[in-house]
PDB file of N, CA and C in Angstrom:
ATOM      1  N   MET A   1     -59.121 -71.007 214.617  1.00  0.00           N
ATOM      2  CA  MET A   1     -57.930 -70.835 215.621  1.00  0.00           C
ATOM      3  C   MET A   1     -56.823 -71.561 215.037  1.00  0.00           C
ATOM      4  N   LEU A   2     -55.730 -70.698 215.324  1.00  0.00           N
ATOM      5  CA  LEU A   2     -54.629 -71.098 214.647  1.00  0.00           C
ATOM      6  C   LEU A   2     -53.952 -72.276 215.489  1.00  0.00           C
ATOM      7  N   CYS A   3     -52.692 -73.444 215.782  1.00  0.00           N
ATOM      8  CA  CYS A   3     -51.785 -74.317 216.199  1.00  0.00           C
ATOM      9  C   CYS A   3     -51.568 -73.046 217.446  1.00  0.00           C
ATOM     10  N   GLU A   4     -51.067 -73.390 219.052  1.00  0.00           N
ATOM     11  CA  GLU A   4     -50.717 -73.159 219.543  1.00  0.00           C
ATOM     12  C   GLU A   4     -49.125 -72.372 219.704  1.00  0.00           C
ATOM     13  N   LEU A   5     -48.596 -74.295 219.026  1.00  0.00           N
ATOM     14  CA  LEU A   5     -47.325 -74.015 218.627  1.00  0.00           C
ATOM     15  C   LEU A   5     -46.597 -73.314 217.509  1.00  0.00           C
ATOM     16  N   CYS A   6     -46.884 -73.842 216.506  1.00  0.00           N
ATOM     17  CA  CYS A   6     -46.694 -73.672 215.064  1.00  0.00           C
ATOM     18  C   CYS A   6     -46.687 -72.605 214.771  1.00  0.00           C
ATOM     19  N   GLY A   7     -48.381 -72.291 214.723  1.00  0.00           N
ATOM     20  CA  GLY A   7     -49.272 -70.972 213.882  1.00  0.00           C
ATOM     21  C   GLY A   7     -49.590 -71.099 212.658  1.00  0.00           C
ATOM     22  N   ALA A   8     -49.485 -72.644 211.520  1.00  0.00           N
ATOM     23  CA  ALA A   8     -49.280 -72.818 210.423  1.00  0.00           C
ATOM     24  C   ALA A   8     -50.245 -73.157 209.905  1.00  0.00           C
ATOM     25  N   GLU A   9     -51.275 -74.076 211.021  1.00  0.00           N
ATOM     26  CA  GLU A   9     -52.667 -74.660 210.603  1.00  0.00           C
ATOM     27  C   GLU A   9     -53.619 -74.434 211.623  1.00  0.00           C
ATOM     28  N   GLU A  10     -54.638 -74.591 210.801  1.00  0.00           N
ATOM     29  CA  GLU A  10     -55.963 -74.813 212.299  1.00  0.00           C
ATOM     30  C   GLU A  10     -55.428 -75.657 213.244  1.00  0.00           C
ATOM     31  N   ALA A  11     -56.186 -75.367 214.662  1.00  0.00           N
ATOM     32  CA  ALA A  11     -55.946 -76.079 215.530  1.00  0.00           C
ATOM     33  C   ALA A  11     -57.058 -76.825 215.472  1.00  0.00           C
ATOM     34  N   HIS A  12     -57.156 -78.155 215.515  1.00  0.00           N
ATOM     35  CA  HIS A  12     -58.115 -79.316 215.510  1.00  0.00           C
ATOM     36  C   HIS A  12     -57.877 -80.527 216.553  1.00  0.00           C
ATOM     37  N   ASN A  13     -57.151 -80.372 217.387  1.00  0.00           N
ATOM     38  CA  ASN A  13     -56.741 -81.331 218.371  1.00  0.00           C
ATOM     39  C   ASN A  13     -56.535 -80.140 219.693  1.00  0.00           C
ATOM     40  N   PHE A  14     -56.934 -80.863 220.869  1.00  0.00           N
ATOM     41  CA  PHE A  14     -56.781 -80.456 222.232  1.00  0.00           C
ATOM     42  C   PHE A  14     -55.672 -81.051 222.277  1.00  0.00           C
ATOM     43  N   HIS A  15     -54.296 -80.769 223.045  1.00  0.00           N
ATOM     44  CA  HIS A  15     -53.267 -81.923 223.764  1.00  0.00           C
ATOM     45  C   HIS A  15     -53.170 -81.328 225.221  1.00  0.00           C
ATOM     46  N   HIS A  16     -53.505 -82.362 225.963  1.00  0.00           N
ATOM     47  CA  HIS A  16     -53.192 -82.598 227.703  1.00  0.00           C
ATOM     48  C   HIS A  16     -52.183 -82.227 228.165  1.00  0.00           C
ATOM     49  N   LEU A  17     -51.785 -81.194 228.799  1.00  0.00           N
ATOM     50  CA  LEU A  17     -50.073 -80.802 228.966  1.00  0.00           C
ATOM     51  C   LEU A  17     -49.735 -82.071 230.228  1.00  0.00           C
ATOM     52  N   ILE A  18     -50.810 -82.288 230.963  1.00  0.00           N
ATOM     53  CA  ILE A  18     -51.089 -83.667 231.069  1.00  0.00           C
ATOM     54  C   ILE A  18     -51.586 -84.576 231.019  1.00  0.00           C
ATOM     55  N   PRO A  19     -51.188 -85.760 230.539  1.00  0.00           N
ATOM     56  CA  PRO A  19     -52.111 -86.938 229.615  1.00  0.00           C
ATOM     57  C   PRO A  19     -52.725 -87.061 230.304  1.00  0.00           C
ATOM     58  N   ARG A  20     -53.827 -87.261 229.913  1.00  0.00           N
ATOM     59  CA  ARG A  20     -55.401 -87.704 230.557  1.00  0.00           C
ATOM     60  C   ARG A  20     -55.083 -89.379 231.174  1.00  0.00           C
ATOM     61  N   THR A  21     -54.154 -90.102 230.708  1.00  0.00           N
ATOM     62  CA  THR A  21     -54.000 -91.403 231.538  1.00  0.00           C
ATOM     63  C   THR A  21     -53.067 -91.108 232.899  1.00  0.00           C
ATOM     64  N   ASN A  22     -52.496 -90.074 233.064  1.00  0.00           N
ATOM     65  CA  ASN A  22     -51.812 -89.988 234.186  1.00  0.00           C
ATOM     66  C   ASN A  22     -52.834 -89.056 235.198  1.00  0.00           C
ATOM     67  N   HIS A  23     -54.344 -88.504 234.895  1.00  0.00           N
ATOM     68  CA  HIS A  23     -55.346 -88.294 235.815  1.00  0.00           C
ATOM     69  C   HIS A  23     -55.564 -89.137 237.224  1.00  0.00           C
ATOM     70  N   SER A  24     -55.376 -89.992 237.129  1.00  0.00           N
ATOM     71  CA  SER A  24     -55.976 -91.368 237.935  1.00  0.00           C
ATOM     72  C   SER A  24     -54.699 -91.541 238.964  1.00  0.00           C
ATOM     73  N   ASN A  25     -53.469 -90.880 238.698  1.00  0.00           N
ATOM     74  CA  ASN A  25     -52.216 -91.545 239.109  1.00  0.00           C
ATOM     75  C   ASN A  25     -52.394 -90.958 240.684  1.00  0.00           C
ATOM     76  N   LYS A  26     -51.996 -91.707 240.956  1.00  0.00           N
ATOM     77  CA  LYS A  26     -50.726 -90.786 242.715  1.00  0.00           C
ATOM     78  C   LYS A  26     -50.451 -89.608 242.943  1.00  0.00           C
ATOM     79  N   TRP A  27     -49.319 -90.041 242.079  1.00  0.00           N
ATOM     80  CA  TRP A  27     -48.007 -89.118 241.882  1.00  0.00           C
ATOM     81  C   TRP A  27     -48.767 -87.972 241.316  1.00  0.00           C
ATOM     82  N   PHE A  28     -49.476 -87.849 240.534  1.00  0.00           N
ATOM     83  CA  PHE A  28     -50.203 -86.270 239.716  1.00  0.00           C
ATOM     84  C   PHE A  28     -51.264 -86.059 240.747  1.00  0.00           C
ATOM     85  N   LYS A  29     -52.274 -86.243 241.565  1.00  0.00           N
ATOM     86  CA  LYS A  29     -52.999 -86.551 242.074  1.00  0.00           C
ATOM     87  C   LYS A  29     -52.457 -85.395 243.037  1.00  0.00           C
ATOM     88  N   LYS A  30     -51.611 -85.851 243.812  1.00  0.00           N
ATOM     89  CA  LYS A  30     -51.629 -85.162 245.201  1.00  0.00           C
ATOM     90  C   LYS A  30     -50.452 -83.956 244.618  1.00  0.00           C
ATOM     91  N   ARG A  31     -50.015 -83.478 243.450  1.00  0.00           N
ATOM     92  CA  ARG A  31     -48.920 -82.314 242.961  1.00  0.00           C
ATOM     93  C   ARG A  31     -50.275 -81.471 242.098  1.00  0.00           C
ATOM     94  N   TYR A  32     -51.338 -81.954 241.412  1.00  0.00           N
ATOM     95  CA  TYR A  32     -51.698 -81.204 240.847  1.00  0.00           C
ATOM     96  C   TYR A  32     -53.670 -81.121 240.642  1.00  0.00           C
ATOM     97  N   ARG A  33     -54.150 -80.151 240.933  1.00  0.00           N
ATOM     98  CA  ARG A  33     -55.888 -80.091 241.372  1.00  0.00           C
ATOM     99  C   ARG A  33     -56.347 -80.592 240.217  1.00  0.00           C
ATOM    100  N   ARG A  34     -57.275 -80.900 240.084  1.00  0.00           N
ATOM    101  CA  ARG A  34     -58.366 -81.541 238.608  1.00  0.00           C
ATOM    102  C   ARG A  34     -58.393 -80.684 237.596  1.00  0.00           C
ATOM    103  N   GLU A  35     -57.994 -79.255 237.712  1.00  0.00           N
ATOM    104  CA  GLU A  35     -58.860 -78.189 236.535  1.00  0.00           C
ATOM    105  C   GLU A  35     -56.959 -78.065 236.644  1.00  0.00           C
ATOM    106  N   GLU A  36     -56.304 -78.460 237.244  1.00  0.00           N
ATOM    107  CA  GLU A  36     -54.821 -77.878 236.414  1.00  0.00           C
ATOM    108  C   GLU A  36     -54.481 -79.110 235.489  1.00  0.00           C
ATOM    109  N   MET A  37     -54.751 -80.033 235.751  1.00  0.00           N
ATOM    110  CA  MET A  37     -54.793 -81.166 235.231  1.00  0.00           C
ATOM    111  C   MET A  37     -55.829 -81.554 233.695  1.00  0.00           C
ATOM    112  N   ARG A  38     -56.617 -80.284 233.707  1.00  0.00           N
ATOM    113  CA  ARG A  38     -57.419 -80.302 232.392  1.00  0.00           C
ATOM    114  C   ARG A  38     -56.830 -79.293 231.410  1.00  0.00           C
ATOM    115  N   GLU A  39     -56.486 -78.618 232.044  1.00  0.00           N
ATOM    116  CA  GLU A  39     -54.981 -77.363 230.801  1.00  0.00           C
ATOM    117  C   GLU A  39     -54.291 -78.099 229.787  1.00  0.00           C
ATOM    118  N   GLY A  40     -54.813 -77.154 228.546  1.00  0.00           N
ATOM    119  CA  GLY A  40     -53.956 -78.263 227.371  1.00  0.00           C
ATOM    120  C   GLY A  40     -53.862 -77.040 226.434  1.00  0.00           C
ATOM    121  N   LEU A  41     -52.906 -77.318 225.471  1.00  0.00           N
ATOM    122  CA  LEU A  41     -53.168 -76.396 223.818  1.00  0.00           C
ATOM    123  C   LEU A  41     -53.828 -76.737 223.032  1.00  0.00           C
ATOM    124  N   ASN A  42     -54.613 -75.842 221.871  1.00  0.00           N
ATOM    125  CA  ASN A  42     -55.017 -76.000 220.771  1.00  0.00           C
ATOM    126  C   ASN A  42     -53.781 -76.085 219.803  1.00  0.00           C
ATOM    127  N   VAL A  43     -53.599 -77.382 219.451  1.00  0.00           N
ATOM    128  CA  VAL A  43     -52.892 -77.395 218.511  1.00  0.00           C
ATOM    129  C   VAL A  43     -52.808 -78.332 217.115  1.00  0.00           C
ATOM    130  N   CYS A  44     -52.505 -77.940 216.256  1.00  0.00           N
ATOM    131  CA  CYS A  44     -52.939 -78.968 215.167  1.00  0.00           C
ATOM    132  C   CYS A  44     -52.513 -80.297 214.651  1.00  0.00           C
ATOM    133  N   LYS A  45     -53.103 -81.106 214.028  1.00  0.00           N
ATOM    134  CA  LYS A  45     -52.713 -82.841 214.228  1.00  0.00           C
ATOM    135  C   LYS A  45     -51.282 -83.199 214.089  1.00  0.00           C
ATOM    136  N   SER A  46     -50.409 -82.495 213.092  1.00  0.00           N
ATOM    137  CA  SER A  46     -49.201 -82.890 213.506  1.00  0.00           C
ATOM    138  C   SER A  46     -48.546 -82.347 213.605  1.00  0.00           C
ATOM    139  N   CYS A  47     -48.568 -81.172 214.591  1.00  0.00           N
ATOM    140  CA  CYS A  47     -47.968 -80.908 216.231  1.00  0.00           C
ATOM    141  C   CYS A  47     -48.017 -81.903 217.171  1.00  0.00           C
ATOM    142  N   HIS A  48     -49.220 -81.921 217.285  1.00  0.00           N
ATOM    143  CA  HIS A  48     -49.849 -82.567 218.262  1.00  0.00           C
ATOM    144  C   HIS A  48     -49.510 -84.640 218.271  1.00  0.00           C
ATOM    145  N   ARG A  49     -49.594 -84.709 216.752  1.00  0.00           N
ATOM    146  CA  ARG A  49     -48.558 -86.036 216.939  1.00  0.00           C
ATOM    147  C   ARG A  49     -47.277 -86.291 217.112  1.00  0.00           C
ATOM    148  N   ALA A  50     -46.451 -84.982 216.230  1.00  0.00           N
ATOM    149  CA  ALA A  50     -45.309 -84.918 217.031  1.00  0.00           C
ATOM    150  C   ALA A  50     -44.352 -84.649 218.430  1.00  0.00           C
ATOM    151  N   ILE A  51     -46.048 -84.236 219.261  1.00  0.00           N
ATOM    152  CA  ILE A  51     -45.304 -84.455 220.709  1.00  0.00           C
ATOM    153  C   ILE A  51     -45.006 -85.706 220.974  1.00  0.00           C
ATOM    154  N   HIS A  52     -46.188 -86.732 220.656  1.00  0.00           N
ATOM    155  CA  HIS A  52     -46.320 -87.806 221.319  1.00  0.00           C
ATOM    156  C   HIS A  52     -45.415 -88.994 221.085  1.00  0.00           C
ATOM    157  N   ASP A  53     -45.087 -88.753 219.230  1.00  0.00           N
ATOM    158  CA  ASP A  53     -44.306 -89.604 218.828  1.00  0.00           C
ATOM    159  C   ASP A  53     -42.606 -88.677 219.800  1.00  0.00           C
ATOM    160  N   LEU A  54     -42.283 -88.225 219.677  1.00  0.00           N
ATOM    161  CA  LEU A  54     -41.241 -87.202 219.994  1.00  0.00           C
ATOM    162  C   LEU A  54     -40.926 -87.099 221.663  1.00  0.00           C
ATOM    163  N   ILE A  55     -41.586 -87.571 222.513  1.00  0.00           N
ATOM    164  CA  ILE A  55     -41.977 -88.032 224.134  1.00  0.00           C
ATOM    165  C   ILE A  55     -43.161 -89.289 224.168  1.00  0.00           C
ATOM    166  N   PRO A  56     -42.846 -90.516 223.711  1.00  0.00           N
ATOM    167  CA  PRO A  56     -43.684 -91.028 224.358  1.00  0.00           C
ATOM    168  C   PRO A  56     -43.893 -91.743 224.960  1.00  0.00           C
ATOM    169  N   ASP A  57     -43.513 -91.103 226.226  1.00  0.00           N
ATOM    170  CA  ASP A  57     -43.511 -91.989 227.516  1.00  0.00           C
ATOM    171  C   ASP A  57     -44.741 -90.684 228.396  1.00  0.00           C
ATOM    172  N   GLU A  58     -46.197 -91.244 228.520  1.00  0.00           N
ATOM    173  CA  GLU A  58     -46.862 -89.910 228.749  1.00  0.00           C
ATOM    174  C   GLU A  58     -46.412 -89.277 230.638  1.00  0.00           C
ATOM    175  N   LYS A  59     -45.781 -90.307 231.030  1.00  0.00           N
ATOM    176  CA  LYS A  59     -45.494 -89.466 232.547  1.00  0.00           C
ATOM    177  C   LYS A  59     -44.039 -88.572 232.296  1.00  0.00           C
ATOM    178  N   GLU A  60     -43.347 -89.312 231.795  1.00  0.00           N
ATOM    179  CA  GLU A  60     -42.201 -88.110 231.357  1.00  0.00           C
ATOM    180  C   GLU A  60     -43.000 -86.632 231.014  1.00  0.00           C
ATOM    181  N   LEU A  61     -43.927 -86.987 229.894  1.00  0.00           N
ATOM    182  CA  LEU A  61     -44.790 -85.443 229.448  1.00  0.00           C
ATOM    183  C   LEU A  61     -45.325 -85.555 230.330  1.00  0.00           C
ATOM    184  N   GLY A  62     -46.249 -86.124 231.730  1.00  0.00           N
ATOM    185  CA  GLY A  62     -47.267 -85.025 232.338  1.00  0.00           C
ATOM    186  C   GLY A  62     -45.826 -84.473 233.307  1.00  0.00           C
ATOM    187  N   ARG A  63     -44.849 -84.950 233.812  1.00  0.00           N
ATOM    188  CA  ARG A  63     -44.236 -84.373 234.822  1.00  0.00           C
ATOM    189  C   ARG A  63     -43.300 -83.315 234.420  1.00  0.00           C
ATOM    190  N   HIS A  64     -42.365 -83.677 232.871  1.00  0.00           N
ATOM    191  CA  HIS A  64     -41.652 -82.554 233.004  1.00  0.00           C
ATOM    192  C   HIS A  64     -41.594 -81.729 231.572  1.00  0.00           C
ATOM    193  N   TYR A  65     -42.686 -81.895 230.949  1.00  0.00           N
ATOM    194  CA  TYR A  65     -43.356 -81.080 229.905  1.00  0.00           C
ATOM    195  C   TYR A  65     -45.091 -80.708 230.085  1.00  0.00           C
ATOM    196  N   ASN A  66     -45.293 -80.030 231.286  1.00  0.00           N
ATOM    197  CA  ASN A  66     -46.007 -80.010 231.535  1.00  0.00           C
ATOM    198  C   ASN A  66     -47.028 -78.331 231.132  1.00  0.00           C
ATOM    199  N   THR A  67     -46.268 -77.548 230.431  1.00  0.00           N
ATOM    200  CA  THR A  67     -46.555 -75.841 230.413  1.00  0.00           C
ATOM    201  C   THR A  67     -45.963 -75.933 228.658  1.00  0.00           C
ATOM    202  N   LYS A  68     -46.556 -75.238 228.076  1.00  0.00           N
ATOM    203  CA  LYS A  68     -46.334 -74.527 226.932  1.00  0.00           C
ATOM    204  C   LYS A  68     -44.469 -74.527 226.643  1.00  0.00           C
ATOM    205  N   SER A  69     -44.162 -73.690 227.511  1.00  0.00           N
ATOM    206  CA  SER A  69     -42.672 -73.000 227.348  1.00  0.00           C
ATOM    207  C   SER A  69     -41.719 -74.595 227.655  1.00  0.00           C
ATOM    208  N   LYS A  70     -42.234 -75.711 228.624  1.00  0.00           N
ATOM    209  CA  LYS A  70     -41.494 -76.484 229.212  1.00  0.00           C
ATOM    210  C   LYS A  70     -41.013 -77.374 227.487  1.00  0.00           C
ATOM    211  N   LEU A  71     -42.856 -77.496 227.035  1.00  0.00           N
ATOM    212  CA  LEU A  71     -42.443 -78.330 226.148  1.00  0.00           C
ATOM    213  C   LEU A  71     -42.096 -77.673 224.760  1.00  0.00           C
ATOM    214  N   LEU A  72     -41.562 -76.668 224.697  1.00  0.00           N
ATOM    215  CA  LEU A  72     -40.843 -75.796 223.990  1.00  0.00           C
ATOM    216  C   LEU A  72     -39.066 -75.961 223.957  1.00  0.00           C
ATOM    217  N   ASP A  73     -38.865 -76.324 225.414  1.00  0.00           N
ATOM    218  CA  ASP A  73     -37.317 -76.533 225.880  1.00  0.00           C
ATOM    219  C   ASP A  73     -37.277 -77.869 225.258  1.00  0.00           C
ATOM    220  N   HIS A  74     -37.823 -78.897 224.889  1.00  0.00           N
ATOM    221  CA  HIS A  74     -37.417 -80.420 224.717  1.00  0.00           C
ATOM    222  C   HIS A  74     -37.192 -79.962 223.289  1.00  0.00           C
ATOM    223  N   PRO A  75     -35.770 -80.572 223.079  1.00  0.00           N
ATOM    224  CA  PRO A  75     -34.868 -80.164 222.128  1.00  0.00           C
ATOM    225  C   PRO A  75     -35.302 -80.628 220.231  1.00  0.00           C
ATOM    226  N   GLN A  76     -36.154 -81.729 220.792  1.00  0.00           N
ATOM    227  CA  GLN A  76     -36.480 -82.332 219.518  1.00  0.00           C
ATOM    228  C   GLN A  76     -37.809 -81.336 219.133  1.00  0.00           C
ATOM    229  N   VAL A  77     -38.724 -80.811 220.260  1.00  0.00           N
ATOM    230  CA  VAL A  77     -40.221 -80.908 220.123  1.00  0.00           C
ATOM    231  C   VAL A  77     -40.046 -79.025 219.255  1.00  0.00           C
ATOM    232  N   ALA A  78     -38.656 -78.787 219.892  1.00  0.00           N
ATOM    233  CA  ALA A  78     -38.667 -76.991 219.599  1.00  0.00           C
ATOM    234  C   ALA A  78     -37.891 -77.039 218.114  1.00  0.00           C
ATOM    235  N   GLY A  79     -36.806 -78.135 217.314  1.00  0.00           N
ATOM    236  CA  GLY A  79     -36.541 -77.776 216.203  1.00  0.00           C
ATOM    237  C   GLY A  79     -37.782 -78.441 215.657  1.00  0.00           C
ATOM    238  N   TYR A  80     -38.315 -79.643 216.317  1.00  0.00           N
ATOM    239  CA  TYR A  80     -39.888 -79.572 214.969  1.00  0.00           C
ATOM    240  C   TYR A  80     -40.746 -78.493 214.591  1.00  0.00           C
ATOM    241  N   VAL A  81     -41.019 -77.279 216.171  1.00  0.00           N
ATOM    242  CA  VAL A  81     -41.742 -76.594 215.188  1.00  0.00           C
ATOM    243  C   VAL A  81     -41.100 -75.463 214.564  1.00  0.00           C
ATOM    244  N   LYS A  82     -39.697 -75.536 214.757  1.00  0.00           N
ATOM    245  CA  LYS A  82     -39.059 -74.061 214.356  1.00  0.00           C
ATOM    246  C   LYS A  82     -39.274 -74.747 212.609  1.00  0.00           C
ATOM    247  N   TRP A  83     -38.894 -75.934 212.503  1.00  0.00           N
ATOM    248  CA  TRP A  83     -39.159 -75.893 211.165  1.00  0.00           C
ATOM    249  C   TRP A  83     -40.607 -76.209 210.092  1.00  0.00           C
ATOM    250  N   LYS A  84     -41.655 -76.285 211.229  1.00  0.00           N
ATOM    251  CA  LYS A  84     -43.043 -76.331 211.010  1.00  0.00           C
ATOM    252  C   LYS A  84     -43.081 -75.004 210.588  1.00  0.00           C
ATOM    253  N   ARG A  85     -42.647 -73.944 211.413  1.00  0.00           N
ATOM    254  CA  ARG A  85     -43.023 -72.436 211.376  1.00  0.00           C
ATOM    255  C   ARG A  85     -41.783 -72.438 209.718  1.00  0.00           C
ATOM    256  N   GLY A  86     -41.041 -72.835 209.561  1.00  0.00           N
ATOM    257  CA  GLY A  86     -40.712 -72.295 208.601  1.00  0.00           C
ATOM    258  C   GLY A  86     -40.883 -73.222 206.950  1.00  0.00           C
ATOM    259  N   ARG A  87     -41.486 -73.740 207.742  1.00  0.00           N
ATOM    260  CA  ARG A  87     -42.494 -74.154 205.934  1.00  0.00           C
ATOM    261  C   ARG A  87     -43.688 -73.470 205.093  1.00  0.00           C
ATOM    262  N   GLY A  88     -43.873 -72.386 205.985  1.00  0.00           N
ATOM    263  CA  GLY A  88     -44.939 -71.733 205.717  1.00  0.00           C
ATOM    264  C   GLY A  88     -44.557 -70.707 204.512  1.00  0.00           C
ATOM    265  N   ARG A  89     -43.578 -70.316 204.955  1.00  0.00           N
ATOM    266  CA  ARG A  89     -42.383 -69.111 204.076  1.00  0.00           C
ATOM    267  C   ARG A  89     -41.583 -69.978 203.367  1.00  0.00           C
ATOM    268  N   GLY A  90     -41.322 -69.007 202.410  1.00  0.00           N
ATOM    269  CA  GLY A  90     -40.811 -69.053 200.678  1.00  0.00           C
ATOM    270  C   GLY A  90     -40.924 -69.726 199.896  1.00  0.00           C
TER     271      GLY A  90
END
């Protein structure tokens, strides 16, 4: 299975769209069902690392970037994914 973000590498990591550290937080428990909090993306190691490096605040990540499209709307994440996709060509 290829990475759901870059499509360039095998996906060996699972990125929780709402980080696990937030699953017991009252704000998240009020707004999301347990099943929703378990949703995520299959990503390669480098994309997973980039997500957490570019958006280090896990509450911000869970509140504002909790879908694939929202994650790709983040300017730095979008730039990284675009760069990574382009690396395979040339």
